Amino acid sequence: MSGNYLHKIQVRLYQKYLPWLIQNGSTKLTPHDYWIVFFKDANNEHYVLKSVSSSHHAEQTTVVLSPLLQGIDTEKQIGELPDMDSEIIHYKKNYALRYQGIITFTLDRYLNIITIKSAVARIKGKIVSGLKSDKETISSDRFNLLKLMVAQFIHQRPSRMSSGFNPDEIIVLLYGTLWYKHIKNESFKRKIMLLMESLVLTGDLTEENGHYYVQGHAITTLVEHEKEERRILQQLRMHKNIVRFMLVITVSTLLIILVLMAMAGIIDLQAVWQKILHIKPIRFMLKFI
């Protein structure tokens, strides 16, 4: 699909669905069912959709975007929107559905792929939480936490203004939006706080006003950890190969001894072989082969 054709499709979809999204936005005053559309331009300016003009011609349709920080509303042609990063969020009770662009949103409107996937994940989380209410359902260490924060920092969503993370945001990323219902929710929070304070001490994070910011040293930590993981995997492979080699040597040695004993007349190799064949697992394996 060419870039120009994809651009036209996105413009048509924006023209069709933006009025509906505004109509079902936060002005509905229904806290458990409303939509918000965020945009981010090439200058890393973040906006939220405020209004859209109605027109039968796409080139005459304009949208008004409000900056997330203090500033003056800006007006853009709808044809400029495909060149911006967008995020459409459907806020529901205790969770939110996020769509990375108008095409993903449209596909889910017709196929409900993301909606079903989210529902299954939440049902699974409730079942697991119920079955293991006395245990943590997800194991996490400081490396996994740091890796997650670096990934979130690099792929910053249009709806996020700050590059920092507070503990509640991290817990939601790790344990899901229903983490507070778990019997050990306070344990989760204390554990995350200790891990983040540990990362501050090693220089991977800095803390300011309750928010934690990823530092360049985090990349060094991740690279060194990945090198150590590869070294451990190589050692495990080497150990397995040694075990296999020793097994082959042992079997070969046993066969040589049996042949030599048969040649010396000490044992009847044919009789030994017949006894081996009468062992049921051996007979089953030979028949299977």
C-alpha atoms as a PDB file:
ATOM      1  CA  MET A   1       0.000   0.000   0.000  1.00  0.00           C
ATOM      2  CA  SER A   2       1.562   3.285  -1.128  1.00  0.00           C
ATOM      3  CA  GLY A   3       2.077   6.118   1.339  1.00  0.00           C
ATOM      4  CA  ASN A   4      -0.198   8.488  -0.589  1.00  0.00           C
ATOM      5  CA  TYR A   5      -3.048   5.950  -0.670  1.00  0.00           C
ATOM      6  CA  LEU A   6      -2.676   5.222   3.055  1.00  0.00           C
ATOM      7  CA  HIS A   7      -2.701   8.963   3.744  1.00  0.00           C
ATOM      8  CA  LYS A   8      -6.013   9.368   1.889  1.00  0.00           C
ATOM      9  CA  ILE A   9      -7.560   6.463   3.794  1.00  0.00           C
ATOM     10  CA  GLN A  10      -6.576   7.989   7.144  1.00  0.00           C
ATOM     11  CA  VAL A  11      -7.982  11.377   6.124  1.00  0.00           C
ATOM     12  CA  ARG A  12     -11.313   9.776   5.178  1.00  0.00           C
ATOM     13  CA  LEU A  13     -11.448   7.847   8.446  1.00  0.00           C
ATOM     14  CA  TYR A  14     -10.629  10.966  10.481  1.00  0.00           C
ATOM     15  CA  GLN A  15     -13.356  12.850   8.644  1.00  0.00           C
ATOM     16  CA  LYS A  16     -15.861  10.090   9.390  1.00  0.00           C
ATOM     17  CA  TYR A  17     -15.059   9.301  13.026  1.00  0.00           C
ATOM     18  CA  LEU A  18     -13.707  12.474  14.642  1.00  0.00           C
ATOM     19  CA  PRO A  19     -17.182  14.073  14.995  1.00  0.00           C
ATOM     20  CA  TRP A  20     -18.429  10.866  16.627  1.00  0.00           C
ATOM     21  CA  LEU A  21     -15.438  10.754  18.978  1.00  0.00           C
ATOM     22  CA  ILE A  22     -16.027  14.357  20.056  1.00  0.00           C
ATOM     23  CA  GLN A  23     -19.724  13.676  20.550  1.00  0.00           C
ATOM     24  CA  ASN A  24     -18.841  10.730  22.802  1.00  0.00           C
ATOM     25  CA  GLY A  25     -16.002  12.547  24.564  1.00  0.00           C
ATOM     26  CA  SER A  26     -15.609  13.780  28.112  1.00  0.00           C
ATOM     27  CA  THR A  27     -18.441  16.286  27.636  1.00  0.00           C
ATOM     28  CA  LYS A  28     -20.848  13.353  28.043  1.00  0.00           C
ATOM     29  CA  LEU A  29     -20.086  13.494  31.780  1.00  0.00           C
ATOM     30  CA  THR A  30     -20.142   9.682  31.931  1.00  0.00           C
ATOM     31  CA  PRO A  31     -16.900   8.770  33.750  1.00  0.00           C
ATOM     32  CA  HIS A  32     -17.090   5.085  32.770  1.00  0.00           C
ATOM     33  CA  ASP A  33     -17.616   5.482  29.028  1.00  0.00           C
ATOM     34  CA  TYR A  34     -15.991   8.284  27.034  1.00  0.00           C
ATOM     35  CA  TRP A  35     -13.346   8.841  24.344  1.00  0.00           C
ATOM     36  CA  ILE A  36     -10.354  11.181  24.059  1.00  0.00           C
ATOM     37  CA  VAL A  37      -8.054  11.680  21.054  1.00  0.00           C
ATOM     38  CA  PHE A  38      -4.435  12.766  21.530  1.00  0.00           C
ATOM     39  CA  PHE A  39      -1.935  13.959  18.916  1.00  0.00           C
ATOM     40  CA  LYS A  40       1.813  14.606  18.901  1.00  0.00           C
ATOM     41  CA  ASP A  41       3.549  16.531  16.131  1.00  0.00           C
ATOM     42  CA  ALA A  42       7.119  16.415  14.844  1.00  0.00           C
ATOM     43  CA  ASN A  43       8.152  19.065  17.393  1.00  0.00           C
ATOM     44  CA  ASN A  44       7.015  16.775  20.244  1.00  0.00           C
ATOM     45  CA  GLU A  45       4.098  19.075  21.054  1.00  0.00           C
ATOM     46  CA  HIS A  46       1.175  17.184  22.611  1.00  0.00           C
ATOM     47  CA  TYR A  47      -2.449  18.041  21.854  1.00  0.00           C
ATOM     48  CA  VAL A  48      -5.921  16.800  22.638  1.00  0.00           C
ATOM     49  CA  LEU A  49      -8.752  16.991  20.099  1.00  0.00           C
ATOM     50  CA  LYS A  50     -11.205  19.775  20.960  1.00  0.00           C
ATOM     51  CA  SER A  51     -13.522  20.195  17.978  1.00  0.00           C
ATOM     52  CA  VAL A  52     -13.894  19.518  14.268  1.00  0.00           C
ATOM     53  CA  SER A  53     -15.728  21.421  11.578  1.00  0.00           C
ATOM     54  CA  SER A  54     -18.288  19.569   9.467  1.00  0.00           C
ATOM     55  CA  SER A  55     -17.737  19.523   5.733  1.00  0.00           C
ATOM     56  CA  HIS A  56     -18.465  17.158   2.853  1.00  0.00           C
ATOM     57  CA  HIS A  57     -15.003  17.837   1.418  1.00  0.00           C
ATOM     58  CA  ALA A  58     -12.027  16.543   3.342  1.00  0.00           C
ATOM     59  CA  GLU A  59      -9.767  19.385   2.227  1.00  0.00           C
ATOM     60  CA  GLN A  60     -12.186  21.907   3.790  1.00  0.00           C
ATOM     61  CA  THR A  61     -12.448  20.126   7.150  1.00  0.00           C
ATOM     62  CA  THR A  62     -10.485  21.670  10.012  1.00  0.00           C
ATOM     63  CA  VAL A  63      -9.842  20.517  13.564  1.00  0.00           C
ATOM     64  CA  VAL A  64      -9.053  22.457  16.717  1.00  0.00           C
ATOM     65  CA  LEU A  65      -6.378  20.991  18.970  1.00  0.00           C
ATOM     66  CA  SER A  66      -5.695  22.090  22.538  1.00  0.00           C
ATOM     67  CA  PRO A  67      -2.143  21.764  23.877  1.00  0.00           C
ATOM     68  CA  LEU A  68      -1.815  19.531  26.926  1.00  0.00           C
ATOM     69  CA  LEU A  69       0.416  22.147  28.496  1.00  0.00           C
ATOM     70  CA  GLN A  70      -0.667  25.739  28.806  1.00  0.00           C
ATOM     71  CA  GLY A  71      -0.963  27.390  25.443  1.00  0.00           C
ATOM     72  CA  ILE A  72      -3.276  28.656  22.729  1.00  0.00           C
ATOM     73  CA  ASP A  73      -5.538  26.324  20.755  1.00  0.00           C
ATOM     74  CA  THR A  74      -4.279  25.601  17.270  1.00  0.00           C
ATOM     75  CA  GLU A  75      -6.275  24.939  14.115  1.00  0.00           C
ATOM     76  CA  LYS A  76      -5.121  22.372  11.567  1.00  0.00           C
ATOM     77  CA  GLN A  77      -6.407  20.956   8.325  1.00  0.00           C
ATOM     78  CA  ILE A  78      -7.594  17.390   8.668  1.00  0.00           C
ATOM     79  CA  GLY A  79      -5.108  16.413   5.967  1.00  0.00           C
ATOM     80  CA  GLU A  80      -2.274  17.210   8.413  1.00  0.00           C
ATOM     81  CA  LEU A  81      -3.400  14.656  11.015  1.00  0.00           C
ATOM     82  CA  PRO A  82      -1.937  11.511   9.337  1.00  0.00           C
ATOM     83  CA  ASP A  83       1.516  13.110   9.649  1.00  0.00           C
ATOM     84  CA  MET A  84       1.115  13.287  13.438  1.00  0.00           C
ATOM     85  CA  ASP A  85       1.289  10.506  16.020  1.00  0.00           C
ATOM     86  CA  SER A  86      -2.171   9.800  17.378  1.00  0.00           C
ATOM     87  CA  GLU A  87      -3.681   7.843  20.228  1.00  0.00           C
ATOM     88  CA  ILE A  88      -7.392   7.189  20.753  1.00  0.00           C
ATOM     89  CA  ILE A  89      -8.391   6.131  24.268  1.00  0.00           C
ATOM     90  CA  HIS A  90     -11.706   4.676  25.356  1.00  0.00           C
ATOM     91  CA  TYR A  91     -12.017   5.112  29.117  1.00  0.00           C
ATOM     92  CA  LYS A  92     -14.113   2.424  30.778  1.00  0.00           C
ATOM     93  CA  LYS A  93     -14.687   1.402  34.383  1.00  0.00           C
ATOM     94  CA  ASN A  94     -11.354   0.347  35.948  1.00  0.00           C
ATOM     95  CA  TYR A  95      -9.534   0.166  32.584  1.00  0.00           C
ATOM     96  CA  ALA A  96      -8.973   1.887  29.251  1.00  0.00           C
ATOM     97  CA  LEU A  97      -8.700   0.677  25.644  1.00  0.00           C
ATOM     98  CA  ARG A  98      -5.914   2.336  23.651  1.00  0.00           C
ATOM     99  CA  TYR A  99      -5.696   2.539  19.869  1.00  0.00           C
ATOM    100  CA  GLN A 100      -2.487   3.601  18.138  1.00  0.00           C
ATOM    101  CA  GLY A 101      -4.059   5.511  15.280  1.00  0.00           C
ATOM    102  CA  ILE A 102      -7.344   5.840  13.420  1.00  0.00           C
ATOM    103  CA  ILE A 103      -6.846   2.654  11.366  1.00  0.00           C
ATOM    104  CA  THR A 104      -6.467   0.490  14.485  1.00  0.00           C
ATOM    105  CA  PHE A 105      -9.541   2.162  15.968  1.00  0.00           C
ATOM    106  CA  THR A 106     -11.576   1.517  12.802  1.00  0.00           C
ATOM    107  CA  LEU A 107     -10.534  -2.139  12.601  1.00  0.00           C
ATOM    108  CA  ASP A 108     -11.606  -2.684  16.189  1.00  0.00           C
ATOM    109  CA  ARG A 109     -14.934  -0.961  15.495  1.00  0.00           C
ATOM    110  CA  TYR A 110     -15.737  -3.665  12.954  1.00  0.00           C
ATOM    111  CA  LEU A 111     -13.774  -6.696  14.206  1.00  0.00           C
ATOM    112  CA  ASN A 112     -13.525  -6.037  17.975  1.00  0.00           C
ATOM    113  CA  ILE A 113     -10.065  -7.627  18.037  1.00  0.00           C
ATOM    114  CA  ILE A 114      -8.593  -5.319  20.677  1.00  0.00           C
ATOM    115  CA  THR A 115     -11.825  -5.246  22.682  1.00  0.00           C
ATOM    116  CA  ILE A 116     -12.032  -9.049  22.841  1.00  0.00           C
ATOM    117  CA  LYS A 117      -8.324  -9.386  23.587  1.00  0.00           C
ATOM    118  CA  SER A 118      -8.619  -6.892  26.446  1.00  0.00           C
ATOM    119  CA  ALA A 119     -11.724  -8.629  27.834  1.00  0.00           C
ATOM    120  CA  VAL A 120     -10.008 -12.034  27.761  1.00  0.00           C
ATOM    121  CA  ALA A 121      -6.931 -10.602  29.497  1.00  0.00           C
ATOM    122  CA  ARG A 122      -9.048  -9.050  32.243  1.00  0.00           C
ATOM    123  CA  ILE A 123     -11.072 -12.253  32.753  1.00  0.00           C
ATOM    124  CA  LYS A 124      -7.856 -14.257  32.907  1.00  0.00           C
ATOM    125  CA  GLY A 125      -6.430 -11.780  35.418  1.00  0.00           C
ATOM    126  CA  LYS A 126      -9.500 -12.105  37.643  1.00  0.00           C
ATOM    127  CA  ILE A 127      -9.350 -15.928  37.526  1.00  0.00           C
ATOM    128  CA  VAL A 128      -5.628 -16.071  38.258  1.00  0.00           C
ATOM    129  CA  SER A 129      -5.971 -13.491  41.004  1.00  0.00           C
ATOM    130  CA  GLY A 130      -8.785 -15.530  42.544  1.00  0.00           C
ATOM    131  CA  LEU A 131      -6.915 -18.835  42.363  1.00  0.00           C
ATOM    132  CA  LYS A 132      -3.651 -17.375  43.633  1.00  0.00           C
ATOM    133  CA  SER A 133      -4.881 -14.707  45.979  1.00  0.00           C
ATOM    134  CA  ASP A 134      -2.107 -15.548  48.437  1.00  0.00           C
ATOM    135  CA  LYS A 135       0.685 -15.271  45.858  1.00  0.00           C
ATOM    136  CA  GLU A 136       2.107 -12.733  43.488  1.00  0.00           C
ATOM    137  CA  THR A 137       0.919 -13.519  39.983  1.00  0.00           C
ATOM    138  CA  ILE A 138       3.868 -11.837  38.238  1.00  0.00           C
ATOM    139  CA  SER A 139       7.499 -12.116  39.198  1.00  0.00           C
ATOM    140  CA  SER A 140       9.596  -9.034  38.633  1.00  0.00           C
ATOM    141  CA  ASP A 141      13.111  -8.014  39.399  1.00  0.00           C
ATOM    142  CA  ARG A 142      14.947  -4.758  38.997  1.00  0.00           C
ATOM    143  CA  PHE A 143      16.211  -5.608  35.512  1.00  0.00           C
ATOM    144  CA  ASN A 144      12.721  -6.310  34.145  1.00  0.00           C
ATOM    145  CA  LEU A 145      11.462  -3.130  35.775  1.00  0.00           C
ATOM    146  CA  LEU A 146      14.282  -1.059  34.267  1.00  0.00           C
ATOM    147  CA  LYS A 147      13.779  -2.661  30.832  1.00  0.00           C
ATOM    148  CA  LEU A 148      10.076  -1.827  30.971  1.00  0.00           C
ATOM    149  CA  MET A 149      10.709   1.786  31.959  1.00  0.00           C
ATOM    150  CA  VAL A 150      13.281   2.273  29.184  1.00  0.00           C
ATOM    151  CA  ALA A 151      10.841   0.846  26.606  1.00  0.00           C
ATOM    152  CA  GLN A 152       8.055   3.127  27.849  1.00  0.00           C
ATOM    153  CA  PHE A 153      10.399   6.134  27.817  1.00  0.00           C
ATOM    154  CA  ILE A 154      11.501   5.472  24.219  1.00  0.00           C
ATOM    155  CA  HIS A 155       8.007   4.767  22.877  1.00  0.00           C
ATOM    156  CA  GLN A 156       6.294   7.671  24.596  1.00  0.00           C
ATOM    157  CA  ARG A 157       2.585   7.798  23.803  1.00  0.00           C
ATOM    158  CA  PRO A 158       0.918  11.049  22.654  1.00  0.00           C
ATOM    159  CA  SER A 159      -1.220  11.025  25.802  1.00  0.00           C
ATOM    160  CA  ARG A 160       1.857  11.151  28.065  1.00  0.00           C
ATOM    161  CA  MET A 161       3.349  14.536  28.775  1.00  0.00           C
ATOM    162  CA  SER A 162       5.942  13.688  31.398  1.00  0.00           C
ATOM    163  CA  SER A 163       8.925  11.460  30.757  1.00  0.00           C
ATOM    164  CA  GLY A 164       8.901  10.527  34.429  1.00  0.00           C
ATOM    165  CA  PHE A 165       7.032   7.673  36.098  1.00  0.00           C
ATOM    166  CA  ASN A 166       5.302   7.537  39.435  1.00  0.00           C
ATOM    167  CA  PRO A 167       5.028   4.200  41.300  1.00  0.00           C
ATOM    168  CA  ASP A 168       1.315   3.764  40.512  1.00  0.00           C
ATOM    169  CA  GLU A 169       1.974   3.997  36.753  1.00  0.00           C
ATOM    170  CA  ILE A 170       4.670   1.335  36.993  1.00  0.00           C
ATOM    171  CA  ILE A 171       2.423  -0.972  39.022  1.00  0.00           C
ATOM    172  CA  VAL A 172      -0.333  -0.666  36.407  1.00  0.00           C
ATOM    173  CA  LEU A 173       2.166  -1.575  33.662  1.00  0.00           C
ATOM    174  CA  LEU A 174       3.379  -4.619  35.615  1.00  0.00           C
ATOM    175  CA  TYR A 175       0.260  -5.952  37.287  1.00  0.00           C
ATOM    176  CA  GLY A 176      -2.604  -4.443  35.272  1.00  0.00           C
ATOM    177  CA  THR A 177      -5.281  -1.917  36.156  1.00  0.00           C
ATOM    178  CA  LEU A 178      -6.933  -4.312  38.632  1.00  0.00           C
ATOM    179  CA  TRP A 179      -3.818  -4.673  40.784  1.00  0.00           C
ATOM    180  CA  TYR A 180      -5.471  -2.783  43.642  1.00  0.00           C
ATOM    181  CA  LYS A 181      -8.001  -5.626  44.022  1.00  0.00           C
ATOM    182  CA  HIS A 182      -5.285  -8.159  44.742  1.00  0.00           C
ATOM    183  CA  ILE A 183      -4.869  -9.246  48.331  1.00  0.00           C
ATOM    184  CA  LYS A 184      -1.197  -8.249  48.202  1.00  0.00           C
ATOM    185  CA  ASN A 185      -1.591  -4.876  46.495  1.00  0.00           C
ATOM    186  CA  GLU A 186       0.326  -3.101  49.267  1.00  0.00           C
ATOM    187  CA  SER A 187       3.141  -5.643  48.911  1.00  0.00           C
ATOM    188  CA  PHE A 188       3.306  -4.877  45.194  1.00  0.00           C
ATOM    189  CA  LYS A 189       3.626  -1.184  45.928  1.00  0.00           C
ATOM    190  CA  ARG A 190       6.337  -1.607  48.554  1.00  0.00           C
ATOM    191  CA  LYS A 191       8.301  -3.926  46.271  1.00  0.00           C
ATOM    192  CA  ILE A 192       8.179  -1.470  43.357  1.00  0.00           C
ATOM    193  CA  MET A 193       9.263   1.380  45.614  1.00  0.00           C
ATOM    194  CA  LEU A 194      12.282  -0.611  46.818  1.00  0.00           C
ATOM    195  CA  LEU A 195      13.247  -1.610  43.273  1.00  0.00           C
ATOM    196  CA  MET A 196      13.002   1.981  42.028  1.00  0.00           C
ATOM    197  CA  GLU A 197      15.022   3.286  44.978  1.00  0.00           C
ATOM    198  CA  SER A 198      17.623   0.617  44.203  1.00  0.00           C
ATOM    199  CA  LEU A 199      17.804   1.821  40.598  1.00  0.00           C
ATOM    200  CA  VAL A 200      18.258   5.383  41.857  1.00  0.00           C
ATOM    201  CA  LEU A 201      21.233   4.289  43.974  1.00  0.00           C
ATOM    202  CA  THR A 202      22.917   2.682  40.935  1.00  0.00           C
ATOM    203  CA  GLY A 203      22.349   5.800  38.784  1.00  0.00           C
ATOM    204  CA  ASP A 204      19.884   4.159  36.376  1.00  0.00           C
ATOM    205  CA  LEU A 205      17.066   6.427  37.568  1.00  0.00           C
ATOM    206  CA  THR A 206      16.764   9.808  39.215  1.00  0.00           C
ATOM    207  CA  GLU A 207      13.948  10.834  41.522  1.00  0.00           C
ATOM    208  CA  GLU A 208      12.298  14.253  41.600  1.00  0.00           C
ATOM    209  CA  ASN A 209       9.025  15.163  43.327  1.00  0.00           C
ATOM    210  CA  GLY A 210       7.866  11.554  43.477  1.00  0.00           C
ATOM    211  CA  HIS A 211       8.599  10.885  39.789  1.00  0.00           C
ATOM    212  CA  TYR A 212      11.403   8.671  38.494  1.00  0.00           C
ATOM    213  CA  TYR A 213      13.321   9.510  35.311  1.00  0.00           C
ATOM    214  CA  VAL A 214      15.346   7.125  33.151  1.00  0.00           C
ATOM    215  CA  GLN A 215      19.046   8.027  32.806  1.00  0.00           C
ATOM    216  CA  GLY A 216      21.633   7.115  30.183  1.00  0.00           C
ATOM    217  CA  HIS A 217      23.319   4.708  32.597  1.00  0.00           C
ATOM    218  CA  ALA A 218      20.234   2.482  32.239  1.00  0.00           C
ATOM    219  CA  ILE A 219      21.329   1.484  28.716  1.00  0.00           C
ATOM    220  CA  THR A 220      24.724   0.367  30.058  1.00  0.00           C
ATOM    221  CA  THR A 221      23.002  -1.691  32.749  1.00  0.00           C
ATOM    222  CA  LEU A 222      20.703  -3.376  30.217  1.00  0.00           C
ATOM    223  CA  VAL A 223      23.555  -4.144  27.826  1.00  0.00           C
ATOM    224  CA  GLU A 224      25.702  -5.651  30.597  1.00  0.00           C
ATOM    225  CA  HIS A 225      22.773  -7.719  31.864  1.00  0.00           C
ATOM    226  CA  GLU A 226      22.042  -9.035  28.370  1.00  0.00           C
ATOM    227  CA  LYS A 227      25.710  -9.980  27.948  1.00  0.00           C
ATOM    228  CA  GLU A 228      25.566 -11.889  31.235  1.00  0.00           C
ATOM    229  CA  GLU A 229      22.373 -13.663  30.148  1.00  0.00           C
ATOM    230  CA  ARG A 230      23.994 -14.720  26.858  1.00  0.00           C
ATOM    231  CA  ARG A 231      27.047 -15.996  28.742  1.00  0.00           C
ATOM    232  CA  ILE A 232      24.839 -18.086  31.036  1.00  0.00           C
ATOM    233  CA  LEU A 233      22.919 -19.509  28.066  1.00  0.00           C
ATOM    234  CA  GLN A 234      26.160 -20.451  26.343  1.00  0.00           C
ATOM    235  CA  GLN A 235      27.360 -22.205  29.506  1.00  0.00           C
ATOM    236  CA  LEU A 236      24.081 -24.122  29.741  1.00  0.00           C
ATOM    237  CA  ARG A 237      24.344 -25.205  26.097  1.00  0.00           C
ATOM    238  CA  MET A 238      27.946 -26.301  26.656  1.00  0.00           C
ATOM    239  CA  HIS A 239      26.925 -28.258  29.756  1.00  0.00           C
ATOM    240  CA  LYS A 240      24.130 -30.019  27.836  1.00  0.00           C
ATOM    241  CA  ASN A 241      26.501 -30.876  24.991  1.00  0.00           C
ATOM    242  CA  ILE A 242      29.003 -32.336  27.472  1.00  0.00           C
ATOM    243  CA  VAL A 243      26.263 -34.436  29.087  1.00  0.00           C
ATOM    244  CA  ARG A 244      25.142 -35.718  25.657  1.00  0.00           C
ATOM    245  CA  PHE A 245      28.742 -36.495  24.680  1.00  0.00           C
ATOM    246  CA  MET A 246      29.353 -38.400  27.931  1.00  0.00           C
ATOM    247  CA  LEU A 247      26.141 -40.364  27.390  1.00  0.00           C
ATOM    248  CA  VAL A 248      27.255 -41.351  23.888  1.00  0.00           C
ATOM    249  CA  ILE A 249      30.699 -42.337  25.188  1.00  0.00           C
ATOM    250  CA  THR A 250      29.136 -44.414  27.984  1.00  0.00           C
ATOM    251  CA  VAL A 251      26.767 -46.270  25.636  1.00  0.00           C
ATOM    252  CA  SER A 252      29.549 -46.835  23.091  1.00  0.00           C
ATOM    253  CA  THR A 253      31.860 -48.163  25.796  1.00  0.00           C
ATOM    254  CA  LEU A 254      29.167 -50.523  27.066  1.00  0.00           C
ATOM    255  CA  LEU A 255      28.535 -51.878  23.574  1.00  0.00           C
ATOM    256  CA  ILE A 256      32.278 -52.421  22.983  1.00  0.00           C
ATOM    257  CA  ILE A 257      32.574 -54.290  26.282  1.00  0.00           C
ATOM    258  CA  LEU A 258      29.608 -56.510  25.370  1.00  0.00           C
ATOM    259  CA  VAL A 259      31.109 -57.295  21.953  1.00  0.00           C
ATOM    260  CA  LEU A 260      34.501 -58.135  23.475  1.00  0.00           C
ATOM    261  CA  MET A 261      32.889 -60.366  26.112  1.00  0.00           C
ATOM    262  CA  ALA A 262      30.895 -62.137  23.384  1.00  0.00           C
ATOM    263  CA  MET A 263      34.041 -62.687  21.316  1.00  0.00           C
ATOM    264  CA  ALA A 264      35.758 -64.141  24.388  1.00  0.00           C
ATOM    265  CA  GLY A 265      32.847 -66.526  24.930  1.00  0.00           C
ATOM    266  CA  ILE A 266      31.970 -65.083  28.313  1.00  0.00           C
ATOM    267  CA  ILE A 267      28.407 -64.124  27.343  1.00  0.00           C
ATOM    268  CA  ASP A 268      25.988 -65.018  24.589  1.00  0.00           C
ATOM    269  CA  LEU A 269      25.382 -61.717  22.845  1.00  0.00           C
ATOM    270  CA  GLN A 270      22.351 -63.039  20.955  1.00  0.00           C
ATOM    271  CA  ALA A 271      20.698 -64.168  24.183  1.00  0.00           C
ATOM    272  CA  VAL A 272      21.409 -60.798  25.801  1.00  0.00           C
ATOM    273  CA  TRP A 273      19.878 -59.041  22.809  1.00  0.00           C
ATOM    274  CA  GLN A 274      16.747 -61.202  22.996  1.00  0.00           C
ATOM    275  CA  LYS A 275      16.348 -60.356  26.692  1.00  0.00           C
ATOM    276  CA  ILE A 276      16.730 -56.662  25.892  1.00  0.00           C
ATOM    277  CA  LEU A 277      14.043 -56.940  23.207  1.00  0.00           C
ATOM    278  CA  HIS A 278      11.648 -58.523  25.706  1.00  0.00           C
ATOM    279  CA  ILE A 279      11.790 -55.411  27.873  1.00  0.00           C
ATOM    280  CA  LYS A 280       8.426 -53.805  27.128  1.00  0.00           C
ATOM    281  CA  PRO A 281       9.598 -50.179  26.767  1.00  0.00           C
ATOM    282  CA  ILE A 282      12.324 -51.300  24.357  1.00  0.00           C
ATOM    283  CA  ARG A 283       9.858 -53.380  22.299  1.00  0.00           C
ATOM    284  CA  PHE A 284       7.453 -50.442  22.152  1.00  0.00           C
ATOM    285  CA  MET A 285      10.158 -48.052  20.988  1.00  0.00           C
ATOM    286  CA  LEU A 286      11.364 -50.470  18.292  1.00  0.00           C
ATOM    287  CA  LYS A 287       7.810 -51.027  17.027  1.00  0.00           C
ATOM    288  CA  PHE A 288       7.204 -47.272  17.044  1.00  0.00           C
ATOM    289  CA  ILE A 289      10.375 -46.681  15.031  1.00  0.00           C
END
